[in-house]
N, C-alpha and C. Protein backbone atom coordinates (compact mmCIF):
# COMPACT_ATOMS: atom_id res chain seq x y z
N MET A 1 0.85 -1.19 0.00
CA MET A 1 0.00 0.00 0.00
C MET A 1 0.89 1.24 0.00
N THR A 2 0.67 2.14 -0.92
CA THR A 2 1.50 3.34 -1.02
C THR A 2 1.17 4.30 0.11
N LYS A 3 2.12 5.20 0.39
CA LYS A 3 1.91 6.17 1.45
C LYS A 3 0.72 7.07 1.15
N ALA A 4 0.56 7.45 -0.14
CA ALA A 4 -0.56 8.31 -0.52
C ALA A 4 -1.89 7.63 -0.26
N LEU A 5 -1.96 6.33 -0.58
CA LEU A 5 -3.21 5.59 -0.36
C LEU A 5 -3.47 5.43 1.13
N ARG A 6 -2.42 5.19 1.90
CA ARG A 6 -2.57 5.07 3.35
C ARG A 6 -3.14 6.36 3.93
N THR A 7 -2.65 7.48 3.44
CA THR A 7 -3.13 8.78 3.92
C THR A 7 -4.60 8.98 3.59
N LEU A 8 -5.00 8.63 2.37
CA LEU A 8 -6.39 8.78 1.94
C LEU A 8 -7.31 7.87 2.76
N LEU A 9 -6.86 6.63 3.01
CA LEU A 9 -7.67 5.70 3.77
C LEU A 9 -7.82 6.17 5.21
N ALA A 10 -6.76 6.70 5.79
CA ALA A 10 -6.85 7.22 7.15
C ALA A 10 -7.87 8.35 7.22
N SER A 11 -7.86 9.22 6.22
CA SER A 11 -8.82 10.32 6.18
C SER A 11 -10.24 9.79 6.05
N ALA A 12 -10.42 8.72 5.26
CA ALA A 12 -11.75 8.14 5.07
C ALA A 12 -12.26 7.51 6.36
N VAL A 13 -11.37 6.79 7.07
CA VAL A 13 -11.76 6.15 8.32
C VAL A 13 -12.18 7.20 9.34
N ILE A 14 -11.34 8.21 9.51
CA ILE A 14 -11.60 9.24 10.51
C ILE A 14 -12.79 10.09 10.14
N GLY A 15 -12.93 10.40 8.86
CA GLY A 15 -13.98 11.31 8.43
C GLY A 15 -15.35 10.68 8.38
N GLY A 16 -15.43 9.36 8.34
CA GLY A 16 -16.75 8.75 8.29
C GLY A 16 -16.70 7.25 8.34
N ALA A 17 -15.71 6.71 9.02
CA ALA A 17 -15.58 5.27 9.20
C ALA A 17 -15.66 4.54 7.87
N LEU A 18 -14.93 5.03 6.89
CA LEU A 18 -14.83 4.42 5.57
C LEU A 18 -16.16 4.43 4.82
N LEU A 19 -16.90 5.51 4.93
CA LEU A 19 -18.16 5.61 4.20
C LEU A 19 -17.94 5.98 2.74
N SER A 20 -16.79 6.54 2.39
CA SER A 20 -16.52 6.92 1.01
C SER A 20 -16.28 5.67 0.18
N PRO A 21 -16.44 5.75 -1.16
CA PRO A 21 -16.19 4.59 -2.02
C PRO A 21 -14.72 4.25 -2.14
N LEU A 22 -13.84 5.07 -1.59
CA LEU A 22 -12.41 4.86 -1.71
C LEU A 22 -11.99 3.50 -1.19
N ALA A 23 -12.51 3.13 -0.03
CA ALA A 23 -12.09 1.88 0.59
C ALA A 23 -12.50 0.69 -0.26
N ASN A 24 -13.69 0.74 -0.82
CA ASN A 24 -14.13 -0.36 -1.69
C ASN A 24 -13.26 -0.45 -2.92
N ALA A 25 -12.93 0.71 -3.50
CA ALA A 25 -12.11 0.72 -4.70
C ALA A 25 -10.73 0.14 -4.43
N ALA A 26 -10.23 0.38 -3.21
CA ALA A 26 -8.89 -0.11 -2.85
C ALA A 26 -8.93 -1.55 -2.34
N GLY A 27 -10.13 -2.12 -2.19
CA GLY A 27 -10.25 -3.47 -1.66
C GLY A 27 -9.87 -3.55 -0.20
N PHE A 28 -10.04 -2.45 0.52
CA PHE A 28 -9.60 -2.38 1.91
C PHE A 28 -10.66 -2.97 2.83
N HIS A 29 -10.20 -3.72 3.82
CA HIS A 29 -11.11 -4.34 4.78
C HIS A 29 -10.39 -4.36 6.12
N TYR A 30 -11.14 -4.17 7.19
CA TYR A 30 -10.49 -4.16 8.50
C TYR A 30 -11.37 -4.84 9.54
N GLN A 31 -10.76 -5.16 10.68
CA GLN A 31 -11.48 -5.84 11.76
C GLN A 31 -11.31 -5.08 13.06
N LEU A 32 -12.39 -5.05 13.83
CA LEU A 32 -12.39 -4.47 15.17
C LEU A 32 -12.81 -5.57 16.15
N ASP A 33 -12.00 -5.82 17.15
CA ASP A 33 -12.36 -6.77 18.20
C ASP A 33 -12.98 -5.99 19.35
N LEU A 34 -14.18 -6.38 19.75
CA LEU A 34 -14.95 -5.60 20.72
C LEU A 34 -15.08 -6.29 22.07
N THR A 35 -15.06 -5.47 23.10
CA THR A 35 -15.48 -5.90 24.43
C THR A 35 -16.38 -4.81 24.99
N ALA A 36 -17.47 -5.20 25.64
CA ALA A 36 -18.39 -4.22 26.21
C ALA A 36 -18.77 -4.65 27.63
N LYS A 37 -19.08 -3.65 28.45
CA LYS A 37 -19.50 -3.92 29.82
C LYS A 37 -20.71 -3.05 30.14
N LEU A 38 -21.72 -3.65 30.77
CA LEU A 38 -22.90 -2.91 31.16
C LEU A 38 -22.58 -2.02 32.36
N GLN A 39 -23.00 -0.77 32.28
CA GLN A 39 -22.76 0.19 33.37
C GLN A 39 -24.10 0.59 33.98
N SER A 40 -24.15 0.63 35.30
CA SER A 40 -25.41 0.96 35.99
C SER A 40 -25.28 2.25 36.77
N ASP A 41 -26.43 2.88 37.00
CA ASP A 41 -26.46 4.06 37.86
C ASP A 41 -26.71 3.62 39.30
N GLU A 42 -26.89 4.58 40.22
CA GLU A 42 -27.07 4.24 41.64
C GLU A 42 -28.36 3.47 41.90
N ALA A 43 -29.32 3.61 40.97
CA ALA A 43 -30.59 2.90 41.14
C ALA A 43 -30.55 1.50 40.53
N GLY A 44 -29.42 1.10 39.99
CA GLY A 44 -29.29 -0.22 39.40
C GLY A 44 -29.83 -0.33 37.99
N LYS A 45 -30.03 0.81 37.32
CA LYS A 45 -30.50 0.80 35.95
C LYS A 45 -29.33 0.96 34.98
N LEU A 46 -29.52 0.41 33.79
CA LEU A 46 -28.49 0.51 32.76
C LEU A 46 -28.44 1.94 32.24
N ASN A 47 -27.29 2.60 32.39
CA ASN A 47 -27.19 3.98 31.91
C ASN A 47 -26.10 4.21 30.88
N ALA A 48 -25.28 3.17 30.62
CA ALA A 48 -24.24 3.31 29.60
C ALA A 48 -23.66 1.95 29.25
N LEU A 49 -22.98 1.93 28.14
CA LEU A 49 -22.26 0.74 27.70
C LEU A 49 -20.79 1.13 27.57
N GLN A 50 -19.96 0.54 28.39
CA GLN A 50 -18.52 0.78 28.30
C GLN A 50 -17.97 -0.12 27.20
N MET A 51 -17.32 0.49 26.21
CA MET A 51 -16.87 -0.28 25.05
C MET A 51 -15.37 -0.12 24.83
N SER A 52 -14.75 -1.21 24.41
CA SER A 52 -13.35 -1.21 24.03
C SER A 52 -13.25 -1.77 22.61
N TRP A 53 -12.69 -0.98 21.69
CA TRP A 53 -12.54 -1.37 20.30
C TRP A 53 -11.05 -1.53 20.01
N ILE A 54 -10.62 -2.70 19.61
CA ILE A 54 -9.22 -2.92 19.27
C ILE A 54 -9.12 -3.14 17.76
N TYR A 55 -8.46 -2.20 17.08
CA TYR A 55 -8.33 -2.25 15.63
C TYR A 55 -7.25 -3.25 15.23
N ASP A 56 -7.41 -3.84 14.04
CA ASP A 56 -6.37 -4.75 13.57
C ASP A 56 -5.07 -3.98 13.29
N LYS A 57 -3.98 -4.72 13.12
CA LYS A 57 -2.67 -4.09 12.99
C LYS A 57 -2.57 -3.21 11.75
N GLU A 58 -3.18 -3.65 10.63
CA GLU A 58 -3.07 -2.87 9.40
C GLU A 58 -3.76 -1.52 9.53
N LEU A 59 -4.98 -1.53 10.05
CA LEU A 59 -5.69 -0.26 10.19
C LEU A 59 -5.03 0.61 11.26
N SER A 60 -4.52 -0.01 12.31
CA SER A 60 -3.81 0.75 13.33
C SER A 60 -2.63 1.49 12.72
N ALA A 61 -1.90 0.79 11.85
CA ALA A 61 -0.76 1.41 11.18
C ALA A 61 -1.21 2.55 10.28
N VAL A 62 -2.34 2.36 9.58
CA VAL A 62 -2.88 3.41 8.71
C VAL A 62 -3.24 4.65 9.52
N LEU A 63 -3.91 4.44 10.65
CA LEU A 63 -4.38 5.56 11.44
C LEU A 63 -3.26 6.32 12.14
N MET A 64 -2.17 5.62 12.43
CA MET A 64 -1.07 6.27 13.14
C MET A 64 0.11 6.61 12.23
N ASP A 65 -0.04 6.38 10.93
CA ASP A 65 1.06 6.65 10.00
C ASP A 65 1.46 8.12 10.05
N GLY A 66 2.74 8.37 10.29
CA GLY A 66 3.25 9.73 10.28
C GLY A 66 3.01 10.50 11.57
N GLU A 67 2.36 9.88 12.55
CA GLU A 67 2.08 10.58 13.80
C GLU A 67 3.30 10.56 14.73
N ASP A 68 3.44 11.59 15.53
CA ASP A 68 4.57 11.72 16.43
C ASP A 68 4.28 10.99 17.74
N LEU A 69 4.92 9.83 17.92
CA LEU A 69 4.71 9.03 19.13
C LEU A 69 5.95 9.06 20.02
N SER A 70 6.72 10.11 19.88
CA SER A 70 7.87 10.28 20.77
C SER A 70 7.36 10.47 22.19
N GLU A 71 8.22 10.19 23.16
CA GLU A 71 7.81 10.27 24.56
C GLU A 71 7.25 11.65 24.91
N ALA A 72 7.82 12.69 24.32
CA ALA A 72 7.40 14.05 24.64
C ALA A 72 6.02 14.37 24.08
N ASN A 73 5.65 13.75 22.95
CA ASN A 73 4.41 14.13 22.26
C ASN A 73 3.37 13.01 22.18
N ARG A 74 3.68 11.85 22.72
CA ARG A 74 2.80 10.69 22.58
C ARG A 74 1.39 10.97 23.14
N GLU A 75 1.31 11.53 24.34
CA GLU A 75 0.01 11.76 24.97
C GLU A 75 -0.85 12.71 24.14
N ALA A 76 -0.26 13.79 23.66
CA ALA A 76 -1.00 14.77 22.86
C ALA A 76 -1.43 14.17 21.53
N THR A 77 -0.55 13.35 20.93
CA THR A 77 -0.87 12.72 19.65
C THR A 77 -2.05 11.77 19.79
N LEU A 78 -2.04 10.94 20.83
CA LEU A 78 -3.13 9.99 21.03
C LEU A 78 -4.43 10.70 21.37
N LYS A 79 -4.35 11.79 22.12
CA LYS A 79 -5.55 12.55 22.45
C LYS A 79 -6.19 13.14 21.20
N LYS A 80 -5.36 13.67 20.30
CA LYS A 80 -5.88 14.23 19.04
C LYS A 80 -6.47 13.14 18.16
N ARG A 81 -5.77 12.01 18.07
CA ARG A 81 -6.28 10.92 17.23
C ARG A 81 -7.58 10.37 17.80
N ALA A 82 -7.69 10.29 19.12
CA ALA A 82 -8.93 9.83 19.74
C ALA A 82 -10.09 10.74 19.36
N LYS A 83 -9.87 12.04 19.41
CA LYS A 83 -10.91 13.00 19.05
C LYS A 83 -11.34 12.81 17.59
N ASP A 84 -10.37 12.63 16.70
CA ASP A 84 -10.67 12.43 15.28
C ASP A 84 -11.49 11.16 15.05
N ILE A 85 -11.07 10.07 15.69
CA ILE A 85 -11.77 8.79 15.52
C ILE A 85 -13.19 8.87 16.05
N LEU A 86 -13.37 9.48 17.23
CA LEU A 86 -14.71 9.56 17.81
C LEU A 86 -15.64 10.41 16.97
N GLU A 87 -15.13 11.45 16.32
CA GLU A 87 -15.96 12.24 15.42
C GLU A 87 -16.48 11.37 14.28
N GLY A 88 -15.60 10.50 13.75
CA GLY A 88 -16.03 9.59 12.69
C GLY A 88 -17.04 8.58 13.18
N LEU A 89 -16.81 8.01 14.36
CA LEU A 89 -17.73 7.01 14.90
C LEU A 89 -19.09 7.62 15.25
N THR A 90 -19.09 8.87 15.69
CA THR A 90 -20.35 9.54 16.00
C THR A 90 -21.24 9.61 14.77
N GLY A 91 -20.63 9.84 13.61
CA GLY A 91 -21.39 9.96 12.37
C GLY A 91 -22.06 8.68 11.93
N VAL A 92 -21.59 7.54 12.44
CA VAL A 92 -22.20 6.26 12.06
C VAL A 92 -22.84 5.58 13.27
N GLY A 93 -23.16 6.38 14.29
CA GLY A 93 -23.86 5.82 15.45
C GLY A 93 -23.04 4.82 16.23
N TYR A 94 -21.71 4.95 16.15
CA TYR A 94 -20.80 4.07 16.89
C TYR A 94 -20.97 2.60 16.50
N PHE A 95 -21.57 2.37 15.32
CA PHE A 95 -21.82 1.01 14.81
C PHE A 95 -22.71 0.20 15.75
N THR A 96 -23.35 0.85 16.70
CA THR A 96 -24.01 0.11 17.79
C THR A 96 -25.46 0.52 17.95
N THR A 97 -26.33 -0.50 18.05
CA THR A 97 -27.74 -0.29 18.38
C THR A 97 -28.05 -1.11 19.63
N VAL A 98 -28.66 -0.47 20.61
CA VAL A 98 -29.03 -1.15 21.85
C VAL A 98 -30.56 -1.17 21.94
N LEU A 99 -31.11 -2.36 22.23
CA LEU A 99 -32.55 -2.52 22.29
C LEU A 99 -32.96 -3.15 23.61
N VAL A 100 -34.10 -2.72 24.13
CA VAL A 100 -34.73 -3.35 25.28
C VAL A 100 -36.10 -3.83 24.83
N ASP A 101 -36.33 -5.13 24.93
CA ASP A 101 -37.56 -5.75 24.42
C ASP A 101 -37.79 -5.36 22.96
N ASP A 102 -36.72 -5.39 22.19
CA ASP A 102 -36.72 -5.12 20.73
C ASP A 102 -37.06 -3.67 20.38
N GLN A 103 -37.04 -2.78 21.34
CA GLN A 103 -37.25 -1.36 21.09
C GLN A 103 -35.91 -0.64 21.26
N ALA A 104 -35.47 0.02 20.19
CA ALA A 104 -34.18 0.71 20.24
C ALA A 104 -34.23 1.85 21.24
N ILE A 105 -33.18 1.97 22.03
CA ILE A 105 -33.10 3.07 22.98
C ILE A 105 -32.10 4.10 22.45
N THR A 106 -32.33 5.34 22.81
CA THR A 106 -31.54 6.44 22.27
C THR A 106 -30.31 6.69 23.12
N ASN A 107 -29.18 6.79 22.45
CA ASN A 107 -27.95 7.09 23.18
C ASN A 107 -27.62 8.57 23.06
N SER A 108 -26.84 9.05 24.00
CA SER A 108 -26.31 10.41 23.94
C SER A 108 -24.93 10.36 23.30
N GLU A 109 -24.39 11.54 23.01
CA GLU A 109 -23.07 11.60 22.39
C GLU A 109 -21.99 11.19 23.38
N VAL A 110 -21.02 10.46 22.89
CA VAL A 110 -19.91 10.02 23.72
C VAL A 110 -19.01 11.21 24.07
N THR A 111 -18.73 11.37 25.36
CA THR A 111 -17.80 12.41 25.80
C THR A 111 -16.64 11.84 26.61
N ASP A 112 -16.80 10.61 27.10
CA ASP A 112 -15.78 9.94 27.90
C ASP A 112 -15.09 8.90 27.03
N TYR A 113 -13.85 9.18 26.60
CA TYR A 113 -13.15 8.27 25.69
C TYR A 113 -11.65 8.51 25.75
N ASN A 114 -10.90 7.52 25.28
CA ASN A 114 -9.45 7.67 25.14
C ASN A 114 -8.94 6.63 24.15
N VAL A 115 -7.71 6.82 23.71
CA VAL A 115 -7.06 5.89 22.79
C VAL A 115 -5.74 5.45 23.40
N GLN A 116 -5.46 4.16 23.26
CA GLN A 116 -4.19 3.59 23.70
C GLN A 116 -3.59 2.78 22.56
N ILE A 117 -2.33 2.44 22.68
CA ILE A 117 -1.69 1.51 21.76
C ILE A 117 -1.29 0.28 22.57
N THR A 118 -1.77 -0.89 22.16
CA THR A 118 -1.51 -2.12 22.91
C THR A 118 -0.07 -2.58 22.70
N ASP A 119 0.31 -3.60 23.46
CA ASP A 119 1.65 -4.16 23.33
C ASP A 119 1.87 -4.80 21.96
N GLU A 120 0.77 -5.11 21.27
CA GLU A 120 0.86 -5.70 19.93
C GLU A 120 0.77 -4.63 18.84
N ASP A 121 0.94 -3.35 19.24
CA ASP A 121 0.89 -2.22 18.30
C ASP A 121 -0.47 -2.09 17.62
N ARG A 122 -1.52 -2.41 18.37
CA ARG A 122 -2.88 -2.23 17.87
C ARG A 122 -3.52 -1.05 18.60
N LEU A 123 -4.30 -0.30 17.85
CA LEU A 123 -4.96 0.87 18.41
C LEU A 123 -6.20 0.43 19.18
N GLN A 124 -6.34 0.89 20.41
CA GLN A 124 -7.48 0.53 21.25
C GLN A 124 -8.23 1.80 21.64
N VAL A 125 -9.51 1.84 21.25
CA VAL A 125 -10.37 2.97 21.58
C VAL A 125 -11.30 2.54 22.71
N ASN A 126 -11.26 3.27 23.81
CA ASN A 126 -12.14 2.99 24.96
C ASN A 126 -13.14 4.14 25.09
N MET A 127 -14.41 3.79 25.27
CA MET A 127 -15.41 4.84 25.39
C MET A 127 -16.61 4.34 26.19
N ALA A 128 -17.34 5.29 26.75
CA ALA A 128 -18.60 4.99 27.43
C ALA A 128 -19.73 5.54 26.57
N LEU A 129 -20.61 4.66 26.09
CA LEU A 129 -21.76 5.06 25.28
C LEU A 129 -22.96 5.26 26.21
N PRO A 130 -23.31 6.52 26.50
CA PRO A 130 -24.38 6.78 27.47
C PRO A 130 -25.76 6.75 26.81
N PHE A 131 -26.78 6.50 27.62
CA PHE A 131 -28.16 6.49 27.12
C PHE A 131 -28.90 7.71 27.65
N GLU A 132 -29.80 8.25 26.84
CA GLU A 132 -30.56 9.42 27.27
C GLU A 132 -31.39 9.13 28.51
N THR A 133 -31.93 7.92 28.58
CA THR A 133 -32.74 7.51 29.72
C THR A 133 -32.22 6.18 30.25
N ALA A 134 -31.96 6.11 31.54
CA ALA A 134 -31.51 4.86 32.16
C ALA A 134 -32.61 3.80 32.02
N GLN A 135 -32.19 2.55 31.81
CA GLN A 135 -33.12 1.47 31.51
C GLN A 135 -33.18 0.43 32.63
N GLU A 136 -34.41 0.09 33.03
CA GLU A 136 -34.63 -0.99 33.98
C GLU A 136 -34.52 -2.31 33.21
N LEU A 137 -33.62 -3.20 33.63
CA LEU A 137 -33.44 -4.46 32.91
C LEU A 137 -34.19 -5.63 33.54
N LYS A 138 -34.52 -5.53 34.83
CA LYS A 138 -35.22 -6.63 35.47
C LYS A 138 -36.56 -6.88 34.78
N GLY A 139 -36.77 -8.11 34.33
CA GLY A 139 -38.00 -8.46 33.63
C GLY A 139 -37.96 -8.17 32.14
N HIS A 140 -36.79 -7.81 31.62
CA HIS A 140 -36.69 -7.42 30.21
C HIS A 140 -35.53 -8.14 29.51
N VAL A 141 -35.48 -7.99 28.20
CA VAL A 141 -34.41 -8.59 27.39
C VAL A 141 -33.64 -7.48 26.70
N LEU A 142 -32.34 -7.50 26.90
CA LEU A 142 -31.45 -6.51 26.30
C LEU A 142 -30.73 -7.11 25.10
N LYS A 143 -30.63 -6.31 24.04
CA LYS A 143 -29.84 -6.74 22.88
C LYS A 143 -28.85 -5.63 22.52
N VAL A 144 -27.62 -6.01 22.26
CA VAL A 144 -26.59 -5.10 21.77
C VAL A 144 -26.19 -5.58 20.39
N VAL A 145 -26.48 -4.77 19.38
CA VAL A 145 -26.22 -5.14 17.98
C VAL A 145 -25.11 -4.25 17.45
N VAL A 146 -24.08 -4.86 16.91
CA VAL A 146 -22.94 -4.13 16.36
C VAL A 146 -22.75 -4.53 14.91
N SER A 147 -22.72 -3.53 14.01
CA SER A 147 -22.54 -3.82 12.59
C SER A 147 -22.08 -2.56 11.86
N ASP A 148 -21.19 -2.74 10.88
CA ASP A 148 -20.74 -1.65 10.02
C ASP A 148 -21.55 -1.70 8.74
N ALA A 149 -22.42 -0.71 8.54
CA ALA A 149 -23.33 -0.70 7.39
C ALA A 149 -22.60 -0.61 6.06
N THR A 150 -21.34 -0.17 6.07
CA THR A 150 -20.58 -0.08 4.82
C THR A 150 -20.03 -1.43 4.39
N ALA A 151 -20.03 -2.41 5.31
CA ALA A 151 -19.51 -3.76 5.07
C ALA A 151 -18.00 -3.77 4.84
N VAL A 152 -17.35 -2.64 5.08
CA VAL A 152 -15.89 -2.59 4.93
C VAL A 152 -15.22 -3.05 6.23
N GLY A 153 -15.85 -2.75 7.35
CA GLY A 153 -15.30 -3.15 8.64
C GLY A 153 -16.04 -4.34 9.20
N LEU A 154 -15.32 -5.19 9.91
CA LEU A 154 -15.92 -6.33 10.60
C LEU A 154 -15.73 -6.09 12.09
N ALA A 155 -16.78 -5.60 12.73
CA ALA A 155 -16.75 -5.34 14.17
C ALA A 155 -17.35 -6.56 14.86
N THR A 156 -16.57 -7.20 15.71
CA THR A 156 -17.03 -8.48 16.21
C THR A 156 -16.69 -8.69 17.69
N PHE A 157 -17.63 -9.34 18.39
CA PHE A 157 -17.36 -9.90 19.70
C PHE A 157 -16.76 -11.29 19.46
N LEU A 158 -15.59 -11.57 19.99
CA LEU A 158 -14.96 -12.86 19.72
C LEU A 158 -15.74 -14.00 20.35
N THR A 159 -16.24 -13.81 21.57
CA THR A 159 -17.06 -14.81 22.24
C THR A 159 -18.12 -14.08 23.07
N ARG A 160 -19.03 -14.83 23.64
CA ARG A 160 -20.06 -14.20 24.47
C ARG A 160 -19.48 -13.59 25.73
N ASP A 161 -18.29 -14.03 26.12
CA ASP A 161 -17.64 -13.46 27.30
C ASP A 161 -17.15 -12.04 27.08
N ASN A 162 -17.21 -11.57 25.81
CA ASN A 162 -16.79 -10.21 25.52
C ASN A 162 -17.87 -9.18 25.83
N LEU A 163 -19.03 -9.63 26.33
CA LEU A 163 -20.00 -8.73 26.94
C LEU A 163 -20.04 -9.05 28.42
N ILE A 164 -19.59 -8.09 29.23
CA ILE A 164 -19.47 -8.29 30.67
C ILE A 164 -20.68 -7.65 31.35
N LEU A 165 -21.36 -8.44 32.19
CA LEU A 165 -22.58 -7.94 32.83
C LEU A 165 -22.28 -6.95 33.95
N GLY A 166 -21.19 -7.15 34.67
CA GLY A 166 -20.89 -6.27 35.80
C GLY A 166 -21.68 -6.67 37.04
N ASP A 167 -21.29 -6.12 38.18
CA ASP A 167 -21.88 -6.52 39.46
C ASP A 167 -23.39 -6.29 39.52
N ALA A 168 -23.87 -5.20 38.94
CA ALA A 168 -25.28 -4.85 39.05
C ALA A 168 -26.19 -5.83 38.33
N PHE A 169 -25.68 -6.48 37.28
CA PHE A 169 -26.54 -7.33 36.45
C PHE A 169 -26.11 -8.79 36.43
N ASP A 170 -25.01 -9.12 37.09
CA ASP A 170 -24.48 -10.48 37.03
C ASP A 170 -25.45 -11.50 37.61
N LYS A 171 -26.11 -11.17 38.72
CA LYS A 171 -27.05 -12.10 39.34
C LYS A 171 -28.47 -11.92 38.81
N LEU A 172 -28.73 -10.75 38.26
CA LEU A 172 -30.08 -10.44 37.75
C LEU A 172 -30.36 -11.10 36.41
N CYS A 173 -29.32 -11.20 35.57
CA CYS A 173 -29.51 -11.63 34.18
C CYS A 173 -28.76 -12.93 33.88
N LYS A 174 -29.22 -13.63 32.87
CA LYS A 174 -28.52 -14.82 32.39
C LYS A 174 -27.28 -14.40 31.60
N LYS A 175 -26.38 -15.34 31.41
CA LYS A 175 -25.17 -15.05 30.64
C LYS A 175 -25.56 -14.65 29.22
N PRO A 176 -24.83 -13.74 28.63
CA PRO A 176 -25.15 -13.30 27.26
C PRO A 176 -25.09 -14.45 26.26
N GLU A 177 -25.90 -14.34 25.23
CA GLU A 177 -25.85 -15.25 24.10
C GLU A 177 -25.43 -14.45 22.87
N LEU A 178 -24.50 -14.99 22.10
CA LEU A 178 -23.96 -14.29 20.94
C LEU A 178 -24.44 -14.93 19.65
N ASP A 179 -24.99 -14.08 18.77
CA ASP A 179 -25.42 -14.52 17.44
C ASP A 179 -24.68 -13.69 16.40
N GLN A 180 -23.99 -14.35 15.49
CA GLN A 180 -23.25 -13.67 14.43
C GLN A 180 -23.81 -14.14 13.09
N LYS A 181 -24.22 -13.18 12.26
CA LYS A 181 -24.81 -13.59 10.98
C LYS A 181 -24.54 -12.56 9.90
N GLN A 182 -24.55 -13.05 8.67
CA GLN A 182 -24.41 -12.16 7.51
C GLN A 182 -25.75 -11.52 7.21
N VAL A 183 -25.75 -10.20 7.03
CA VAL A 183 -27.00 -9.50 6.76
C VAL A 183 -27.05 -8.89 5.36
N ALA A 184 -25.89 -8.75 4.71
CA ALA A 184 -25.87 -8.17 3.36
C ALA A 184 -24.49 -8.40 2.75
N GLU A 185 -24.41 -8.12 1.44
CA GLU A 185 -23.13 -8.17 0.74
C GLU A 185 -23.10 -7.01 -0.25
N MET A 186 -22.04 -6.20 -0.18
CA MET A 186 -21.94 -5.01 -1.02
C MET A 186 -20.55 -4.91 -1.61
N ASP A 187 -20.46 -4.87 -2.94
CA ASP A 187 -19.18 -4.69 -3.63
C ASP A 187 -18.14 -5.70 -3.16
N GLY A 188 -18.57 -6.91 -2.95
CA GLY A 188 -17.64 -7.96 -2.55
C GLY A 188 -17.34 -7.99 -1.06
N HIS A 189 -17.91 -7.07 -0.29
CA HIS A 189 -17.71 -7.04 1.15
C HIS A 189 -18.96 -7.59 1.84
N VAL A 190 -18.77 -8.46 2.81
CA VAL A 190 -19.88 -9.06 3.55
C VAL A 190 -20.17 -8.22 4.79
N GLN A 191 -21.43 -7.79 4.93
CA GLN A 191 -21.83 -7.08 6.14
C GLN A 191 -22.30 -8.08 7.18
N MET A 192 -21.66 -8.07 8.33
CA MET A 192 -22.02 -8.95 9.42
C MET A 192 -22.68 -8.15 10.53
N ALA A 193 -23.49 -8.84 11.31
CA ALA A 193 -24.09 -8.23 12.50
C ALA A 193 -23.86 -9.17 13.68
N ASP A 194 -23.29 -8.61 14.74
CA ASP A 194 -23.12 -9.36 15.98
C ASP A 194 -24.20 -8.91 16.95
N THR A 195 -24.96 -9.85 17.48
CA THR A 195 -26.00 -9.53 18.44
C THR A 195 -25.77 -10.27 19.75
N MET A 196 -25.57 -9.50 20.81
CA MET A 196 -25.50 -10.05 22.15
C MET A 196 -26.88 -9.91 22.79
N THR A 197 -27.43 -11.01 23.26
CA THR A 197 -28.74 -11.02 23.91
C THR A 197 -28.58 -11.36 25.39
N VAL A 198 -29.14 -10.50 26.23
CA VAL A 198 -29.06 -10.70 27.68
C VAL A 198 -30.49 -10.78 28.22
N ASP A 199 -30.85 -11.94 28.73
CA ASP A 199 -32.21 -12.19 29.25
C ASP A 199 -32.22 -11.94 30.75
N CYS A 200 -32.99 -10.91 31.15
CA CYS A 200 -33.08 -10.55 32.57
C CYS A 200 -34.47 -10.80 33.12
N ARG A 201 -35.21 -11.72 32.48
CA ARG A 201 -36.58 -12.00 32.96
C ARG A 201 -36.56 -13.04 34.08
């Protein structure tokens, strides 16, 4: 991949999570490994989803190409890159839909986030996805659906253990069930949807 193409792809990822046709034309595809944890308020209601997104090595290299990661500037560089990435994710709804009893609940804009680089040189984005209204889960079924509508990215929970219930919901709800299925195919890219189902009835 040429440096010019890497630069264009980085701009596409940040500007709209690869919504431009550029990525398809270049045959670019990437993977995000996800972990999420249910967050509760003082009343024991679900008020946010803590999410960790770990990008594959190729996309991590694209996003950090040319960035100053020297000891003196590393923190500022990662803070700026985190802001850029979150602006792109905001435009696509963070690839995430959360439903209670099959009714989508509205999230607020993410303000709590950061970016790290793992020991394997992979970019890790950590964020809390808050909800406009806290949700009572007792007696209800929660679903967390993650999918990239462009079919360029594969955002996936590796196992059902990648959704953590946390202390507030561990005894209230059954262990999550993970369903992974193909929902569409566009320009040779397969769109997948990962659905975590948590039964709290």
